[in-house]
Amino acid sequence: MKNYLIDTHAHLDFPELHNRLDEVLKNAMDNDIKRIVTISTNLNKINKIIEISENYKEVFHTVGVHPNEVLKDKNNSNYEMIFDLSKNKKCVGIGECGLDYHYGNDSKEEQKKSFIIQIKVARATNLPLIIHARDADNDMINILESEYKDGPFKAILHCFSSGKDLALCGLNLGFYISFSGIVTFKSAKIIQEIATLVPDDKILVETDAPYLSPTPIRGSINEPKNCLITAKFLANIRRCEFSSFVDQLYMNSVKIFDKIN
């Protein structure tokens, strides 16, 4: 195995991981996960995320507002603030942002507004947009296709758990699709099918730690080290040799996150 894995999406500022961060990062390194992107969900907490990435050379970060946080963050549509924070040398993406109608039925319009603003920042900065989509596929497709017509932008459909139509929409726009431990669940047959259809140069792996531990450790606190389990599962269902798959994942990760070094 020439290269290492990059956990393209984790939440190292969440207490389950932050309270033992040195141990979590050592565990990752011991399992050949040597870069981690810690993801912003609320701009009120961005300083903690920046601090983590500045204190640990293997950690990079994003800036943005999660759809479930829009009502808790008065800056959820503050273009200038997000744009300015994105200039940090270790900021590698915008988001995570998007639409979540599973938990956010009362904030749909605020979610859409915040999402579109973050698309505009991604377009202006040429940083990849980290997209969260849950129970909102139709509106998500409409916004992505409409905004792309106004000018291209780079994006990742993170922790993919949506339908085939959204996957195809993303691939048609040149986006990457990232798979978490969800793909290992017995109930995830459709997601597994989609994971076999994603082109080699568009697939990514992530944990979404501390959530969504893969089988067989489902239910435990997830850590970046468990990228290894998900990557092995993906290589198996895609019927490819593991070390070459790791090389592909590495190349994809550093291509979309081109500030990672």
C-alpha atoms as a PDB file:
ATOM      1  CA  MET A   1       0.000   0.000   0.000  1.00  0.00           C
ATOM      2  CA  LYS A   2       1.797   3.102  -1.262  1.00  0.00           C
ATOM      3  CA  ASN A   3      -0.577   5.660   0.166  1.00  0.00           C
ATOM      4  CA  TYR A   4      -2.686   6.194   3.270  1.00  0.00           C
ATOM      5  CA  LEU A   5      -6.349   6.872   3.907  1.00  0.00           C
ATOM      6  CA  ILE A   6      -7.808  10.307   4.529  1.00  0.00           C
ATOM      7  CA  ASP A   7     -10.914  10.581   6.702  1.00  0.00           C
ATOM      8  CA  THR A   8     -12.660  13.230   4.629  1.00  0.00           C
ATOM      9  CA  HIS A   9     -15.346  13.960   7.226  1.00  0.00           C
ATOM     10  CA  ALA A  10     -15.190  13.812  11.019  1.00  0.00           C
ATOM     11  CA  HIS A  11     -16.248  16.029  13.914  1.00  0.00           C
ATOM     12  CA  LEU A  12     -13.208  16.218  16.159  1.00  0.00           C
ATOM     13  CA  ASP A  13     -14.678  19.144  18.102  1.00  0.00           C
ATOM     14  CA  PHE A  14     -17.547  17.001  19.414  1.00  0.00           C
ATOM     15  CA  PRO A  15     -16.973  15.995  23.060  1.00  0.00           C
ATOM     16  CA  GLU A  16     -16.934  12.233  22.386  1.00  0.00           C
ATOM     17  CA  LEU A  17     -13.678  12.769  20.448  1.00  0.00           C
ATOM     18  CA  HIS A  18     -12.327  16.122  21.642  1.00  0.00           C
ATOM     19  CA  ASN A  19     -12.061  14.966  25.259  1.00  0.00           C
ATOM     20  CA  ARG A  20      -9.450  12.357  24.229  1.00  0.00           C
ATOM     21  CA  LEU A  21      -8.142  13.850  21.024  1.00  0.00           C
ATOM     22  CA  ASP A  22      -4.530  12.707  21.348  1.00  0.00           C
ATOM     23  CA  GLU A  23      -5.672   9.092  21.712  1.00  0.00           C
ATOM     24  CA  VAL A  24      -8.129   9.404  18.791  1.00  0.00           C
ATOM     25  CA  LEU A  25      -5.435  10.797  16.493  1.00  0.00           C
ATOM     26  CA  LYS A  26      -2.893   8.150  17.554  1.00  0.00           C
ATOM     27  CA  ASN A  27      -5.478   5.439  16.839  1.00  0.00           C
ATOM     28  CA  ALA A  28      -6.007   6.949  13.379  1.00  0.00           C
ATOM     29  CA  MET A  29      -2.282   7.055  12.617  1.00  0.00           C
ATOM     30  CA  ASP A  30      -1.844   3.464  13.811  1.00  0.00           C
ATOM     31  CA  ASN A  31      -4.461   2.419  11.241  1.00  0.00           C
ATOM     32  CA  ASP A  32      -2.912   4.372   8.340  1.00  0.00           C
ATOM     33  CA  ILE A  33      -5.428   7.229   8.472  1.00  0.00           C
ATOM     34  CA  LYS A  34      -2.916  10.060   8.351  1.00  0.00           C
ATOM     35  CA  ARG A  35      -5.067  13.063   7.409  1.00  0.00           C
ATOM     36  CA  ILE A  36      -8.466  14.056   8.805  1.00  0.00           C
ATOM     37  CA  VAL A  37     -10.863  16.811   7.782  1.00  0.00           C
ATOM     38  CA  THR A  38     -12.781  18.102  10.803  1.00  0.00           C
ATOM     39  CA  ILE A  39     -16.078  19.594   9.716  1.00  0.00           C
ATOM     40  CA  SER A  40     -17.800  22.823  10.732  1.00  0.00           C
ATOM     41  CA  THR A  41     -21.483  22.700  11.659  1.00  0.00           C
ATOM     42  CA  ASN A  42     -22.038  26.035  13.431  1.00  0.00           C
ATOM     43  CA  LEU A  43     -20.001  29.242  13.127  1.00  0.00           C
ATOM     44  CA  ASN A  44     -20.336  29.847  16.871  1.00  0.00           C
ATOM     45  CA  LYS A  45     -17.930  26.896  17.275  1.00  0.00           C
ATOM     46  CA  ILE A  46     -15.528  27.677  14.426  1.00  0.00           C
ATOM     47  CA  ASN A  47     -12.693  28.895  16.671  1.00  0.00           C
ATOM     48  CA  LYS A  48     -12.502  25.478  18.355  1.00  0.00           C
ATOM     49  CA  ILE A  49     -12.268  23.779  14.956  1.00  0.00           C
ATOM     50  CA  ILE A  50      -9.575  26.166  13.736  1.00  0.00           C
ATOM     51  CA  GLU A  51      -7.624  25.585  16.944  1.00  0.00           C
ATOM     52  CA  ILE A  52      -7.700  21.797  16.462  1.00  0.00           C
ATOM     53  CA  SER A  53      -6.407  22.062  12.900  1.00  0.00           C
ATOM     54  CA  GLU A  54      -3.693  24.503  13.911  1.00  0.00           C
ATOM     55  CA  ASN A  55      -2.543  22.299  16.806  1.00  0.00           C
ATOM     56  CA  TYR A  56      -2.342  19.065  14.800  1.00  0.00           C
ATOM     57  CA  LYS A  57      -0.541  18.964  11.456  1.00  0.00           C
ATOM     58  CA  GLU A  58      -2.603  15.963  10.287  1.00  0.00           C
ATOM     59  CA  VAL A  59      -5.945  17.796  10.758  1.00  0.00           C
ATOM     60  CA  PHE A  60      -7.576  20.194   8.299  1.00  0.00           C
ATOM     61  CA  HIS A  61     -10.964  21.904   8.616  1.00  0.00           C
ATOM     62  CA  THR A  62     -13.950  23.386   6.798  1.00  0.00           C
ATOM     63  CA  VAL A  63     -16.171  26.385   7.485  1.00  0.00           C
ATOM     64  CA  GLY A  64     -19.954  26.325   7.230  1.00  0.00           C
ATOM     65  CA  VAL A  65     -23.354  25.768   8.813  1.00  0.00           C
ATOM     66  CA  HIS A  66     -25.203  22.435   9.005  1.00  0.00           C
ATOM     67  CA  PRO A  67     -28.893  22.559   8.015  1.00  0.00           C
ATOM     68  CA  ASN A  68     -29.961  21.393  11.484  1.00  0.00           C
ATOM     69  CA  GLU A  69     -28.023  24.300  13.020  1.00  0.00           C
ATOM     70  CA  VAL A  70     -29.435  27.169  10.959  1.00  0.00           C
ATOM     71  CA  LEU A  71     -31.866  28.315  13.653  1.00  0.00           C
ATOM     72  CA  LYS A  72     -29.053  28.292  16.254  1.00  0.00           C
ATOM     73  CA  ASP A  73     -26.562  30.296  14.182  1.00  0.00           C
ATOM     74  CA  LYS A  74     -27.395  33.902  13.349  1.00  0.00           C
ATOM     75  CA  ASN A  75     -24.547  33.892  10.805  1.00  0.00           C
ATOM     76  CA  ASN A  76     -25.969  30.962   8.851  1.00  0.00           C
ATOM     77  CA  SER A  77     -26.196  33.095   5.681  1.00  0.00           C
ATOM     78  CA  ASN A  78     -23.288  35.473   6.356  1.00  0.00           C
ATOM     79  CA  TYR A  79     -21.415  35.294   3.050  1.00  0.00           C
ATOM     80  CA  GLU A  80     -18.618  37.670   4.097  1.00  0.00           C
ATOM     81  CA  MET A  81     -17.899  35.837   7.343  1.00  0.00           C
ATOM     82  CA  ILE A  82     -17.766  32.393   5.700  1.00  0.00           C
ATOM     83  CA  PHE A  83     -15.675  33.736   2.816  1.00  0.00           C
ATOM     84  CA  ASP A  84     -13.174  35.411   5.148  1.00  0.00           C
ATOM     85  CA  LEU A  85     -12.838  32.313   7.361  1.00  0.00           C
ATOM     86  CA  SER A  86     -12.202  30.172   4.282  1.00  0.00           C
ATOM     87  CA  LYS A  87      -8.905  32.001   3.688  1.00  0.00           C
ATOM     88  CA  ASN A  88      -7.261  30.139   6.588  1.00  0.00           C
ATOM     89  CA  LYS A  89      -4.440  28.047   5.121  1.00  0.00           C
ATOM     90  CA  LYS A  90      -5.855  24.881   6.712  1.00  0.00           C
ATOM     91  CA  CYS A  91      -9.460  25.489   5.620  1.00  0.00           C
ATOM     92  CA  VAL A  92     -10.064  22.985   2.818  1.00  0.00           C
ATOM     93  CA  GLY A  93     -13.824  23.175   2.201  1.00  0.00           C
ATOM     94  CA  ILE A  94     -17.170  24.918   2.703  1.00  0.00           C
ATOM     95  CA  GLY A  95     -19.883  23.312   4.842  1.00  0.00           C
ATOM     96  CA  GLU A  96     -21.213  20.995   5.872  1.00  0.00           C
ATOM     97  CA  CYS A  97     -24.361  22.514   4.483  1.00  0.00           C
ATOM     98  CA  GLY A  98     -27.462  21.348   2.716  1.00  0.00           C
ATOM     99  CA  LEU A  99     -31.007  20.250   3.456  1.00  0.00           C
ATOM    100  CA  ASP A 100     -32.326  17.995   6.216  1.00  0.00           C
ATOM    101  CA  TYR A 101     -36.097  17.578   6.279  1.00  0.00           C
ATOM    102  CA  HIS A 102     -35.914  14.617   8.664  1.00  0.00           C
ATOM    103  CA  TYR A 103     -35.149  16.850  11.636  1.00  0.00           C
ATOM    104  CA  GLY A 104     -35.597  20.325  10.153  1.00  0.00           C
ATOM    105  CA  ASN A 105     -39.162  20.494   8.889  1.00  0.00           C
ATOM    106  CA  ASP A 106     -39.685  23.863  10.589  1.00  0.00           C
ATOM    107  CA  SER A 107     -36.634  25.511   9.012  1.00  0.00           C
ATOM    108  CA  LYS A 108     -36.863  24.588   5.324  1.00  0.00           C
ATOM    109  CA  GLU A 109     -36.671  28.130   3.951  1.00  0.00           C
ATOM    110  CA  GLU A 110     -33.808  29.103   6.263  1.00  0.00           C
ATOM    111  CA  GLN A 111     -31.973  25.925   5.263  1.00  0.00           C
ATOM    112  CA  LYS A 112     -32.362  26.700   1.557  1.00  0.00           C
ATOM    113  CA  LYS A 113     -31.151  30.278   1.991  1.00  0.00           C
ATOM    114  CA  SER A 114     -28.104  29.211   4.007  1.00  0.00           C
ATOM    115  CA  PHE A 115     -27.306  26.391   1.566  1.00  0.00           C
ATOM    116  CA  ILE A 116     -27.397  28.671  -1.472  1.00  0.00           C
ATOM    117  CA  ILE A 117     -25.154  31.239   0.242  1.00  0.00           C
ATOM    118  CA  GLN A 118     -22.615  28.511   0.986  1.00  0.00           C
ATOM    119  CA  ILE A 119     -22.771  27.325  -2.632  1.00  0.00           C
ATOM    120  CA  LYS A 120     -21.893  30.873  -3.666  1.00  0.00           C
ATOM    121  CA  VAL A 121     -18.904  30.922  -1.308  1.00  0.00           C
ATOM    122  CA  ALA A 122     -17.725  27.565  -2.668  1.00  0.00           C
ATOM    123  CA  ARG A 123     -17.992  28.892  -6.208  1.00  0.00           C
ATOM    124  CA  ALA A 124     -16.083  32.081  -5.349  1.00  0.00           C
ATOM    125  CA  THR A 125     -13.296  30.320  -3.418  1.00  0.00           C
ATOM    126  CA  ASN A 126     -13.045  27.182  -5.589  1.00  0.00           C
ATOM    127  CA  LEU A 127     -13.167  25.143  -2.368  1.00  0.00           C
ATOM    128  CA  PRO A 128     -15.309  21.994  -2.364  1.00  0.00           C
ATOM    129  CA  LEU A 129     -18.805  22.196  -0.908  1.00  0.00           C
ATOM    130  CA  ILE A 130     -19.589  19.491   1.674  1.00  0.00           C
ATOM    131  CA  ILE A 131     -23.244  18.572   1.132  1.00  0.00           C
ATOM    132  CA  HIS A 132     -25.567  17.060   3.739  1.00  0.00           C
ATOM    133  CA  ALA A 133     -28.827  15.681   2.317  1.00  0.00           C
ATOM    134  CA  ARG A 134     -31.513  13.870   4.260  1.00  0.00           C
ATOM    135  CA  ASP A 135     -35.120  13.291   3.162  1.00  0.00           C
ATOM    136  CA  ALA A 136     -34.837  16.239   0.753  1.00  0.00           C
ATOM    137  CA  ASP A 137     -33.683  14.709  -2.533  1.00  0.00           C
ATOM    138  CA  ASN A 138     -36.030  16.596  -4.867  1.00  0.00           C
ATOM    139  CA  ASP A 139     -35.296  20.050  -3.468  1.00  0.00           C
ATOM    140  CA  MET A 140     -31.596  19.190  -3.317  1.00  0.00           C
ATOM    141  CA  ILE A 141     -31.518  18.185  -6.996  1.00  0.00           C
ATOM    142  CA  ASN A 142     -33.409  21.335  -7.993  1.00  0.00           C
ATOM    143  CA  ILE A 143     -31.063  23.655  -6.089  1.00  0.00           C
ATOM    144  CA  LEU A 144     -27.867  21.937  -7.262  1.00  0.00           C
ATOM    145  CA  GLU A 145     -28.870  21.941 -10.924  1.00  0.00           C
ATOM    146  CA  SER A 146     -30.163  25.513 -10.791  1.00  0.00           C
ATOM    147  CA  GLU A 147     -27.083  26.867  -9.000  1.00  0.00           C
ATOM    148  CA  TYR A 148     -24.689  24.978 -11.266  1.00  0.00           C
ATOM    149  CA  LYS A 149     -26.204  26.765 -14.261  1.00  0.00           C
ATOM    150  CA  ASP A 150     -25.124  30.054 -12.646  1.00  0.00           C
ATOM    151  CA  GLY A 151     -21.530  28.827 -12.544  1.00  0.00           C
ATOM    152  CA  PRO A 152     -19.742  25.585 -11.727  1.00  0.00           C
ATOM    153  CA  PHE A 153     -18.582  24.631  -8.244  1.00  0.00           C
ATOM    154  CA  LYS A 154     -16.909  21.591  -6.698  1.00  0.00           C
ATOM    155  CA  ALA A 155     -18.807  19.430  -4.222  1.00  0.00           C
ATOM    156  CA  ILE A 156     -18.981  16.214  -2.232  1.00  0.00           C
ATOM    157  CA  LEU A 157     -22.229  14.405  -1.440  1.00  0.00           C
ATOM    158  CA  HIS A 158     -21.094  13.370   2.028  1.00  0.00           C
ATOM    159  CA  CYS A 159     -22.168  10.304   4.021  1.00  0.00           C
ATOM    160  CA  PHE A 160     -24.290   9.241   1.103  1.00  0.00           C
ATOM    161  CA  SER A 161     -27.614   7.775   2.201  1.00  0.00           C
ATOM    162  CA  SER A 162     -30.000   9.202  -0.395  1.00  0.00           C
ATOM    163  CA  GLY A 163     -31.576   7.775  -3.536  1.00  0.00           C
ATOM    164  CA  LYS A 164     -30.110   6.964  -6.919  1.00  0.00           C
ATOM    165  CA  ASP A 165     -31.519  10.114  -8.542  1.00  0.00           C
ATOM    166  CA  LEU A 166     -29.468  12.370  -6.266  1.00  0.00           C
ATOM    167  CA  ALA A 167     -26.362  10.243  -6.812  1.00  0.00           C
ATOM    168  CA  LEU A 168     -26.753  10.509 -10.587  1.00  0.00           C
ATOM    169  CA  CYS A 169     -27.406  14.257 -10.326  1.00  0.00           C
ATOM    170  CA  GLY A 170     -24.184  14.672  -8.352  1.00  0.00           C
ATOM    171  CA  LEU A 171     -22.153  12.561 -10.758  1.00  0.00           C
ATOM    172  CA  ASN A 172     -23.574  14.430 -13.755  1.00  0.00           C
ATOM    173  CA  LEU A 173     -22.307  17.666 -12.188  1.00  0.00           C
ATOM    174  CA  GLY A 174     -18.873  16.173 -11.577  1.00  0.00           C
ATOM    175  CA  PHE A 175     -19.297  15.866  -7.811  1.00  0.00           C
ATOM    176  CA  TYR A 176     -17.680  13.267  -5.571  1.00  0.00           C
ATOM    177  CA  ILE A 177     -19.686  10.809  -3.463  1.00  0.00           C
ATOM    178  CA  SER A 178     -18.435   9.855  -0.004  1.00  0.00           C
ATOM    179  CA  PHE A 179     -19.444   6.755   1.935  1.00  0.00           C
ATOM    180  CA  SER A 180     -19.492   6.320   5.703  1.00  0.00           C
ATOM    181  CA  GLY A 181     -20.087   3.285   7.908  1.00  0.00           C
ATOM    182  CA  ILE A 182     -23.726   3.320   6.774  1.00  0.00           C
ATOM    183  CA  VAL A 183     -22.686   1.461   3.615  1.00  0.00           C
ATOM    184  CA  THR A 184     -21.699  -1.550   5.771  1.00  0.00           C
ATOM    185  CA  PHE A 185     -25.152  -1.890   7.379  1.00  0.00           C
ATOM    186  CA  LYS A 186     -27.247  -4.901   6.358  1.00  0.00           C
ATOM    187  CA  SER A 187     -30.186  -2.569   5.683  1.00  0.00           C
ATOM    188  CA  ALA A 188     -28.176  -0.427   3.234  1.00  0.00           C
ATOM    189  CA  LYS A 189     -28.663  -2.486   0.064  1.00  0.00           C
ATOM    190  CA  ILE A 190     -29.521   0.520  -2.132  1.00  0.00           C
ATOM    191  CA  ILE A 191     -26.534   2.498  -0.836  1.00  0.00           C
ATOM    192  CA  GLN A 192     -24.291  -0.506  -1.461  1.00  0.00           C
ATOM    193  CA  GLU A 193     -25.605  -0.701  -5.030  1.00  0.00           C
ATOM    194  CA  ILE A 194     -24.885   3.000  -5.551  1.00  0.00           C
ATOM    195  CA  ALA A 195     -21.398   2.503  -4.086  1.00  0.00           C
ATOM    196  CA  THR A 196     -20.646  -0.023  -6.836  1.00  0.00           C
ATOM    197  CA  LEU A 197     -21.773   2.421  -9.542  1.00  0.00           C
ATOM    198  CA  VAL A 198     -19.669   5.451  -8.545  1.00  0.00           C
ATOM    199  CA  PRO A 199     -16.707   5.878 -10.941  1.00  0.00           C
ATOM    200  CA  ASP A 200     -13.271   5.105  -9.530  1.00  0.00           C
ATOM    201  CA  ASP A 201     -12.214   8.751  -9.680  1.00  0.00           C
ATOM    202  CA  LYS A 202     -15.276  10.068  -7.794  1.00  0.00           C
ATOM    203  CA  ILE A 203     -15.462   7.914  -4.654  1.00  0.00           C
ATOM    204  CA  LEU A 204     -14.373   8.986  -1.160  1.00  0.00           C
ATOM    205  CA  VAL A 205     -14.461   7.433   2.306  1.00  0.00           C
ATOM    206  CA  GLU A 206     -15.267   9.040   5.657  1.00  0.00           C
ATOM    207  CA  THR A 207     -16.398   8.212   9.173  1.00  0.00           C
ATOM    208  CA  ASP A 208     -18.709  11.105  10.167  1.00  0.00           C
ATOM    209  CA  ALA A 209     -17.226  10.336  13.595  1.00  0.00           C
ATOM    210  CA  PRO A 210     -18.342  10.185  16.356  1.00  0.00           C
ATOM    211  CA  TYR A 211     -21.434   8.807  14.590  1.00  0.00           C
ATOM    212  CA  LEU A 212     -22.191   5.856  12.320  1.00  0.00           C
ATOM    213  CA  SER A 213     -19.610   3.263  13.302  1.00  0.00           C
ATOM    214  CA  PRO A 214     -19.421   0.563  10.651  1.00  0.00           C
ATOM    215  CA  THR A 215     -20.431  -3.052  11.134  1.00  0.00           C
ATOM    216  CA  PRO A 216     -19.226  -4.996  13.154  1.00  0.00           C
ATOM    217  CA  ILE A 217     -18.752  -2.208  15.745  1.00  0.00           C
ATOM    218  CA  ARG A 218     -22.030  -0.439  15.028  1.00  0.00           C
ATOM    219  CA  GLY A 219     -23.339   1.418  18.079  1.00  0.00           C
ATOM    220  CA  SER A 220     -19.935   2.303  19.486  1.00  0.00           C
ATOM    221  CA  ILE A 221     -18.392   5.783  19.364  1.00  0.00           C
ATOM    222  CA  ASN A 222     -16.941   6.119  15.888  1.00  0.00           C
ATOM    223  CA  GLU A 223     -13.368   7.293  15.296  1.00  0.00           C
ATOM    224  CA  PRO A 224     -11.336   8.194  12.188  1.00  0.00           C
ATOM    225  CA  LYS A 225      -9.434   4.879  12.545  1.00  0.00           C
ATOM    226  CA  ASN A 226     -12.595   3.089  11.392  1.00  0.00           C
ATOM    227  CA  CYS A 227     -12.192   4.492   7.874  1.00  0.00           C
ATOM    228  CA  LEU A 228     -10.136   1.365   7.380  1.00  0.00           C
ATOM    229  CA  ILE A 229     -13.159  -0.906   7.972  1.00  0.00           C
ATOM    230  CA  THR A 230     -15.355   1.031   5.550  1.00  0.00           C
ATOM    231  CA  ALA A 231     -12.642   1.199   2.892  1.00  0.00           C
ATOM    232  CA  LYS A 232     -12.146  -2.580   3.074  1.00  0.00           C
ATOM    233  CA  PHE A 233     -15.893  -3.129   2.754  1.00  0.00           C
ATOM    234  CA  LEU A 234     -16.073  -0.819  -0.275  1.00  0.00           C
ATOM    235  CA  ALA A 235     -13.109  -2.517  -1.958  1.00  0.00           C
ATOM    236  CA  ASN A 236     -14.832  -5.859  -1.443  1.00  0.00           C
ATOM    237  CA  ILE A 237     -18.214  -4.881  -2.923  1.00  0.00           C
ATOM    238  CA  ARG A 238     -16.491  -3.027  -5.785  1.00  0.00           C
ATOM    239  CA  ARG A 239     -14.369  -6.163  -6.388  1.00  0.00           C
ATOM    240  CA  CYS A 240     -11.057  -4.371  -6.448  1.00  0.00           C
ATOM    241  CA  GLU A 241      -7.727  -5.017  -4.810  1.00  0.00           C
ATOM    242  CA  PHE A 242      -7.514  -3.165  -1.488  1.00  0.00           C
ATOM    243  CA  SER A 243      -4.118  -1.491  -1.838  1.00  0.00           C
ATOM    244  CA  SER A 244      -4.978  -0.110  -5.275  1.00  0.00           C
ATOM    245  CA  PHE A 245      -8.326   1.095  -3.908  1.00  0.00           C
ATOM    246  CA  VAL A 246      -6.505   2.943  -1.101  1.00  0.00           C
ATOM    247  CA  ASP A 247      -4.279   4.578  -3.715  1.00  0.00           C
ATOM    248  CA  GLN A 248      -7.394   5.641  -5.634  1.00  0.00           C
ATOM    249  CA  LEU A 249      -9.083   7.026  -2.503  1.00  0.00           C
ATOM    250  CA  TYR A 250      -5.919   8.952  -1.648  1.00  0.00           C
ATOM    251  CA  MET A 251      -5.682  10.476  -5.128  1.00  0.00           C
ATOM    252  CA  ASN A 252      -9.374  11.413  -5.083  1.00  0.00           C
ATOM    253  CA  SER A 253      -9.099  12.970  -1.620  1.00  0.00           C
ATOM    254  CA  VAL A 254      -6.120  15.184  -2.404  1.00  0.00           C
ATOM    255  CA  LYS A 255      -7.619  16.167  -5.760  1.00  0.00           C
ATOM    256  CA  ILE A 256     -10.895  17.451  -4.317  1.00  0.00           C
ATOM    257  CA  PHE A 257      -9.236  18.769  -1.140  1.00  0.00           C
ATOM    258  CA  ASP A 258      -6.318  20.344  -2.970  1.00  0.00           C
ATOM    259  CA  LYS A 259      -5.089  22.297   0.089  1.00  0.00           C
ATOM    260  CA  ILE A 260      -4.294  19.083   1.977  1.00  0.00           C
ATOM    261  CA  ASN A 261      -0.589  18.316   2.109  1.00  0.00           C
END
